Structures are given as structure tokens and as C-alpha cells.
Amino acid sequence: MRNRTHRPPGVITVTGRPKEYGCLVHSWVRWINVSTGRTGASLTSSGLNGIPAEARLHTGAGRVALIVDPRPGTMLTPGLATIDVR
């Protein structure tokens, strides 16, 4: 039996924290896989009703740099991270 929560290799999920003020309502998450040169962007989900906003990224394996780029008018600070994706 396969574990349904298992993600395929090279896929990550960026999510807001549950039960905290200020969700990532429709923010862009832009990324680059610096190991392969592959790039992409995804819009986060709405993050309403106690469910944290999230974006699923199909980056492939390697070192990934990403930025959360909130839409204008939101009360969020952009964020930056690097992640080793397997």
C-alpha cells in the first residue's frame, strides 16, 4: 500500500502557517533550480477558513532558490529561501 502523503521526487509545497493572522492570499512563489537552470512560478491558494495558503512547486531535484512575492496592497513582507530538493 502506498503512502498517500508521499510526494514524488522534485516536488515541494510552500505553505503559510495555520492559525496565524495574515495568510499568503494569492502571492506569487517564484523559483529557480540553480542545479539545473529550470525556473517557474506558482500562485498560492486562497488560504481561507483555517486552511493555510499553499503552492505546490515541481522544481525537480537540486538546490532551489525561491521568493514569495506578495501582491501589491497586501500586508506581507517578501520572503527568500534556498532549499535542497530531493
C-alpha atoms as a PDB file:
ATOM      1  CA  MET A   1       0.000   0.000   0.000  1.00  0.00           C
ATOM      2  CA  ARG A   2       1.401   3.367  -0.995  1.00  0.00           C
ATOM      3  CA  ASN A   3       1.535   6.260   1.451  1.00  0.00           C
ATOM      4  CA  ARG A   4      -0.838   8.884   0.027  1.00  0.00           C
ATOM      5  CA  THR A   5       1.005  11.754   1.731  1.00  0.00           C
ATOM      6  CA  HIS A   6       4.249  10.892  -0.084  1.00  0.00           C
ATOM      7  CA  ARG A   7       5.235  13.429  -2.726  1.00  0.00           C
ATOM      8  CA  PRO A   8       7.052  12.459  -5.880  1.00  0.00           C
ATOM      9  CA  PRO A   9      10.736  13.409  -6.114  1.00  0.00           C
ATOM     10  CA  GLY A  10      11.397  17.003  -7.120  1.00  0.00           C
ATOM     11  CA  VAL A  11       8.113  18.403  -5.774  1.00  0.00           C
ATOM     12  CA  ILE A  12       7.855  20.766  -2.788  1.00  0.00           C
ATOM     13  CA  THR A  13       4.969  22.584  -1.144  1.00  0.00           C
ATOM     14  CA  VAL A  14       5.329  26.115   0.191  1.00  0.00           C
ATOM     15  CA  THR A  15       2.690  26.913   2.791  1.00  0.00           C
ATOM     16  CA  GLY A  16       1.674  29.588   5.253  1.00  0.00           C
ATOM     17  CA  ARG A  17       1.413  28.786   8.938  1.00  0.00           C
ATOM     18  CA  PRO A  18      -2.014  27.696  10.155  1.00  0.00           C
ATOM     19  CA  LYS A  19      -3.910  29.696  12.780  1.00  0.00           C
ATOM     20  CA  GLU A  20      -1.853  32.851  12.361  1.00  0.00           C
ATOM     21  CA  TYR A  21      -3.009  36.254  11.221  1.00  0.00           C
ATOM     22  CA  GLY A  22      -2.047  37.123   7.678  1.00  0.00           C
ATOM     23  CA  CYS A  23      -2.326  34.370   5.115  1.00  0.00           C
ATOM     24  CA  LEU A  24      -0.487  34.394   1.804  1.00  0.00           C
ATOM     25  CA  VAL A  25      -3.633  35.086  -0.202  1.00  0.00           C
ATOM     26  CA  HIS A  26      -2.690  34.747  -3.840  1.00  0.00           C
ATOM     27  CA  SER A  27       1.007  35.565  -3.547  1.00  0.00           C
ATOM     28  CA  TRP A  28       3.431  34.542  -6.267  1.00  0.00           C
ATOM     29  CA  VAL A  29       6.093  31.991  -5.405  1.00  0.00           C
ATOM     30  CA  ARG A  30       8.885  32.281  -7.987  1.00  0.00           C
ATOM     31  CA  TRP A  31      11.725  29.763  -8.079  1.00  0.00           C
ATOM     32  CA  ILE A  32      14.903  28.754  -9.857  1.00  0.00           C
ATOM     33  CA  ASN A  33      16.602  25.383  -9.610  1.00  0.00           C
ATOM     34  CA  VAL A  34      20.219  26.562  -9.587  1.00  0.00           C
ATOM     35  CA  SER A  35      21.420  22.987 -10.203  1.00  0.00           C
ATOM     36  CA  THR A  36      19.512  22.621 -13.491  1.00  0.00           C
ATOM     37  CA  GLY A  37      18.624  26.182 -14.525  1.00  0.00           C
ATOM     38  CA  ARG A  38      14.917  25.346 -14.581  1.00  0.00           C
ATOM     39  CA  THR A  39      12.579  28.161 -13.424  1.00  0.00           C
ATOM     40  CA  GLY A  40       8.915  28.579 -12.637  1.00  0.00           C
ATOM     41  CA  ALA A  41       6.248  30.392 -10.678  1.00  0.00           C
ATOM     42  CA  SER A  42       3.026  29.461  -8.943  1.00  0.00           C
ATOM     43  CA  LEU A  43       0.226  31.406  -7.308  1.00  0.00           C
ATOM     44  CA  THR A  44      -0.688  30.342  -3.784  1.00  0.00           C
ATOM     45  CA  SER A  45      -4.159  29.098  -2.947  1.00  0.00           C
ATOM     46  CA  SER A  46      -6.577  31.356  -1.079  1.00  0.00           C
ATOM     47  CA  GLY A  47      -5.706  30.227   2.460  1.00  0.00           C
ATOM     48  CA  LEU A  48      -9.195  30.750   3.853  1.00  0.00           C
ATOM     49  CA  ASN A  49     -11.256  29.073   6.602  1.00  0.00           C
ATOM     50  CA  GLY A  50      -8.267  27.972   8.680  1.00  0.00           C
ATOM     51  CA  ILE A  51      -6.548  26.186   5.771  1.00  0.00           C
ATOM     52  CA  PRO A  52      -3.101  27.688   5.135  1.00  0.00           C
ATOM     53  CA  ALA A  53      -2.356  29.081   1.706  1.00  0.00           C
ATOM     54  CA  GLU A  54      -0.022  26.881  -0.310  1.00  0.00           C
ATOM     55  CA  ALA A  55       1.688  26.440  -3.646  1.00  0.00           C
ATOM     56  CA  ARG A  56       2.960  23.117  -4.991  1.00  0.00           C
ATOM     57  CA  LEU A  57       6.188  23.518  -6.981  1.00  0.00           C
ATOM     58  CA  HIS A  58       7.505  20.961  -9.474  1.00  0.00           C
ATOM     59  CA  THR A  59      11.126  22.084  -9.321  1.00  0.00           C
ATOM     60  CA  GLY A  60      12.972  18.841  -9.946  1.00  0.00           C
ATOM     61  CA  ALA A  61      15.813  17.686  -7.728  1.00  0.00           C
ATOM     62  CA  GLY A  62      18.636  20.080  -6.816  1.00  0.00           C
ATOM     63  CA  ARG A  63      19.280  23.356  -4.970  1.00  0.00           C
ATOM     64  CA  VAL A  64      16.247  25.634  -5.345  1.00  0.00           C
ATOM     65  CA  ALA A  65      16.065  29.339  -4.549  1.00  0.00           C
ATOM     66  CA  LEU A  66      12.592  30.802  -4.142  1.00  0.00           C
ATOM     67  CA  ILE A  67      10.953  34.101  -3.320  1.00  0.00           C
ATOM     68  CA  VAL A  68       7.454  34.754  -2.051  1.00  0.00           C
ATOM     69  CA  ASP A  69       6.313  37.886  -3.868  1.00  0.00           C
ATOM     70  CA  PRO A  70       3.088  39.226  -2.322  1.00  0.00           C
ATOM     71  CA  ARG A  71       0.613  41.096  -4.451  1.00  0.00           C
ATOM     72  CA  PRO A  72       0.591  44.893  -4.132  1.00  0.00           C
ATOM     73  CA  GLY A  73      -1.645  46.137  -1.335  1.00  0.00           C
ATOM     74  CA  THR A  74      -1.122  43.127   0.920  1.00  0.00           C
ATOM     75  CA  MET A  75       0.474  43.462   4.339  1.00  0.00           C
ATOM     76  CA  LEU A  76       3.217  40.889   3.761  1.00  0.00           C
ATOM     77  CA  THR A  77       6.974  41.104   3.535  1.00  0.00           C
ATOM     78  CA  PRO A  78       8.553  39.241   0.605  1.00  0.00           C
ATOM     79  CA  GLY A  79      10.479  36.140   1.645  1.00  0.00           C
ATOM     80  CA  LEU A  80      13.512  34.371   0.227  1.00  0.00           C
ATOM     81  CA  ALA A  81      14.801  30.844   0.850  1.00  0.00           C
ATOM     82  CA  THR A  82      17.084  28.184  -0.579  1.00  0.00           C
ATOM     83  CA  ILE A  83      16.142  24.537  -0.315  1.00  0.00           C
ATOM     84  CA  ASP A  84      17.790  21.248  -1.282  1.00  0.00           C
ATOM     85  CA  VAL A  85      15.091  19.265  -3.072  1.00  0.00           C
ATOM     86  CA  ARG A  86      15.389  15.511  -3.441  1.00  0.00           C
END
